[in-house]
């Protein structure tokens, strides 16, 4: 089990950093972007191990990822997208959509339908997590700003 955890940490970190390099993000954000991607992937992987479902796993993953990305963007004074995009790479349902399309093209319609439903649940979960994190962070930072203005 410890081996699997270490392997998932290393591979999610490397995939996030690799995509960040391909996307040409600033060098000083590479390490933090890798950590953000690792946080998101560990949330997804941990819930998937406990059979939480694709929507909940994707939601929690993107929520953790987005909260970490908000904090990282504030610390580094960089745009949020610099941390979102490399962080989302490990959890985007690319292979699931490929398998669903392959099943569709090979006339396995029930498998294709199940695959497309999983892709949709995953995409909606990711989107809801990003939106929820954005709402939470706006409330937190607006409260901080309002608190500073009052004497």
Protein backbone atom coordinates (compact mmCIF):
# COMPACT_ATOMS: atom_id res chain seq x y z
CA UNK A 1 0.00 0.00 0.00
CA UNK A 2 2.82 2.41 0.85
CA UNK A 3 4.40 1.58 -2.51
CA UNK A 4 1.16 2.49 -4.32
CA UNK A 5 0.85 5.78 -2.45
CA UNK A 6 4.45 6.76 -3.25
CA UNK A 7 4.01 5.72 -6.89
CA UNK A 8 0.82 7.79 -7.22
CA UNK A 9 2.46 10.81 -5.62
CA UNK A 10 5.49 10.65 -7.92
CA UNK A 11 3.56 9.98 -11.12
CA UNK A 12 0.91 12.65 -10.51
CA UNK A 13 3.62 15.15 -9.64
CA UNK A 14 5.57 14.30 -12.80
CA UNK A 15 2.51 14.41 -15.04
CA UNK A 16 1.53 17.83 -13.70
CA UNK A 17 5.04 19.21 -14.12
CA UNK A 18 5.40 17.70 -17.59
CA UNK A 19 2.18 19.28 -18.79
CA UNK A 20 3.18 22.56 -17.19
CA UNK A 21 6.43 22.53 -19.16
CA UNK A 22 4.55 21.69 -22.37
CA UNK A 23 2.09 24.52 -21.61
CA UNK A 24 5.00 26.92 -21.09
CA UNK A 25 4.08 28.08 -17.60
CA UNK A 26 6.65 30.18 -15.73
CA UNK A 27 9.51 28.17 -14.27
CA UNK A 28 9.03 29.46 -10.74
CA UNK A 29 5.55 27.90 -10.64
CA UNK A 30 6.55 24.39 -11.75
CA UNK A 31 7.16 22.93 -8.31
CA UNK A 32 3.98 24.41 -6.86
CA UNK A 33 1.97 23.32 -9.90
CA UNK A 34 3.22 19.78 -9.40
CA UNK A 35 2.20 19.88 -5.75
CA UNK A 36 -1.25 21.20 -6.69
CA UNK A 37 -1.68 18.38 -9.19
CA UNK A 38 -0.57 15.84 -6.61
CA UNK A 39 -3.07 17.14 -4.05
CA UNK A 40 -5.89 16.82 -6.56
CA UNK A 41 -4.89 13.36 -7.70
CA UNK A 42 -4.53 12.03 -4.14
CA UNK A 43 -8.07 13.22 -3.38
CA UNK A 44 -9.39 11.46 -6.48
CA UNK A 45 -7.39 8.30 -5.92
CA UNK A 46 -8.21 8.07 -2.23
CA UNK A 47 -11.95 8.31 -2.82
CA UNK A 48 -11.79 5.96 -5.80
CA UNK A 49 -10.13 3.33 -3.61
CA UNK A 50 -13.08 3.55 -1.22
CA UNK A 51 -15.62 3.24 -4.08
CA UNK A 52 -17.01 6.74 -3.61
CA UNK A 53 -18.18 7.03 -7.21
CA UNK A 54 -16.84 8.97 -10.15
CA UNK A 55 -18.81 12.16 -9.50
CA UNK A 56 -17.85 12.49 -5.82
CA UNK A 57 -14.22 11.56 -6.53
CA UNK A 58 -13.98 14.14 -9.31
CA UNK A 59 -15.77 16.77 -7.23
CA UNK A 60 -13.52 16.39 -4.18
CA UNK A 61 -10.43 16.18 -6.39
CA UNK A 62 -11.16 19.41 -8.21
CA UNK A 63 -12.27 21.11 -5.00
CA UNK A 64 -8.96 20.29 -3.30
CA UNK A 65 -7.04 21.16 -6.43
CA UNK A 66 -8.79 24.49 -6.90
CA UNK A 67 -8.38 25.49 -3.25
CA UNK A 68 -4.67 24.67 -3.45
CA UNK A 69 -4.41 26.55 -6.75
CA UNK A 70 -6.08 29.64 -5.23
CA UNK A 71 -3.63 29.62 -2.35
CA UNK A 72 -0.69 29.08 -4.72
CA UNK A 73 -1.79 31.90 -7.01
CA UNK A 74 -2.02 34.28 -4.05
CA UNK A 75 1.39 33.21 -2.71
CA UNK A 76 3.15 33.44 -6.07
CA UNK A 77 1.12 36.45 -7.27
CA UNK A 78 0.41 34.67 -10.55
CA UNK A 79 -2.80 33.99 -12.49
CA UNK A 80 -4.91 31.12 -11.25
CA UNK A 81 -4.85 29.36 -14.61
CA UNK A 82 -1.10 28.71 -14.21
CA UNK A 83 -1.95 26.25 -11.44
CA UNK A 84 -5.37 25.01 -12.63
CA UNK A 85 -4.36 23.59 -15.97
CA UNK A 86 -1.33 21.49 -14.96
CA UNK A 87 -3.18 20.37 -11.86
CA UNK A 88 -6.20 19.10 -13.78
CA UNK A 89 -4.18 16.95 -16.18
CA UNK A 90 -4.05 13.83 -13.97
CA UNK A 91 -7.83 13.77 -13.49
CA UNK A 92 -9.22 14.67 -16.92
CA UNK A 93 -11.17 11.62 -18.17
CA UNK A 94 -9.20 11.24 -21.39
CA UNK A 95 -8.74 7.48 -21.42
CA UNK A 96 -12.36 6.97 -20.36
CA UNK A 97 -13.64 9.00 -23.30
CA UNK A 98 -11.27 7.16 -25.65
CA UNK A 99 -12.56 3.79 -24.43
CA UNK A 100 -16.17 4.96 -24.75
CA UNK A 101 -15.62 6.07 -28.34
CA UNK A 102 -13.77 2.83 -29.15
CA UNK A 103 -16.69 0.81 -27.73
CA UNK A 104 -19.08 2.90 -29.81
CA UNK A 105 -17.11 2.31 -33.00
CA UNK A 106 -16.89 -1.44 -32.34
CA UNK A 107 -20.69 -1.59 -31.85
CA UNK A 108 -20.62 -2.30 -28.11
CA UNK A 109 -23.34 0.22 -27.44
CA UNK A 110 -24.10 -0.59 -23.81
CA UNK A 111 -20.40 -0.34 -22.89
CA UNK A 112 -20.14 2.93 -24.83
CA UNK A 113 -23.18 4.37 -23.08
CA UNK A 114 -21.79 3.42 -19.66
CA UNK A 115 -18.43 4.98 -20.61
CA UNK A 116 -20.00 8.22 -21.82
CA UNK A 117 -22.09 8.50 -18.65
CA UNK A 118 -18.92 8.11 -16.56
CA UNK A 119 -17.16 10.78 -18.63
CA UNK A 120 -20.10 13.14 -18.18
CA UNK A 121 -20.25 12.50 -14.41
CA UNK A 122 -16.52 13.09 -14.15
CA UNK A 123 -16.63 16.32 -16.17
CA UNK A 124 -19.60 17.65 -14.20
CA UNK A 125 -17.90 16.70 -10.91
CA UNK A 126 -14.72 18.54 -11.94
CA UNK A 127 -16.72 21.59 -12.95
CA UNK A 128 -18.78 21.65 -9.76
CA UNK A 129 -15.63 21.33 -7.65
CA UNK A 130 -13.95 24.24 -9.43
CA UNK A 131 -17.04 26.42 -9.04
CA UNK A 132 -17.48 25.49 -5.37
CA UNK A 133 -13.84 26.29 -4.62
CA UNK A 134 -14.14 29.61 -6.42
CA UNK A 135 -17.22 30.52 -4.39
CA UNK A 136 -15.53 29.52 -1.11
CA UNK A 137 -12.38 31.50 -1.90
CA UNK A 138 -14.37 34.57 -2.96
CA UNK A 139 -16.27 34.45 0.32
CA UNK A 140 -13.07 34.00 2.32
CA UNK A 141 -11.19 36.81 0.59
CA UNK A 142 -14.16 39.19 0.51
CA UNK A 143 -14.61 38.61 4.24
CA UNK A 144 -10.93 39.40 4.79
CA UNK A 145 -11.22 42.56 2.70
CA UNK A 146 -14.39 43.69 4.46
CA UNK A 147 -12.80 42.95 7.83
CA UNK A 148 -9.81 45.15 7.00
CA UNK A 149 -11.90 48.16 6.07
CA UNK A 150 -13.75 48.43 9.35
CA UNK A 151 -11.91 50.21 12.15
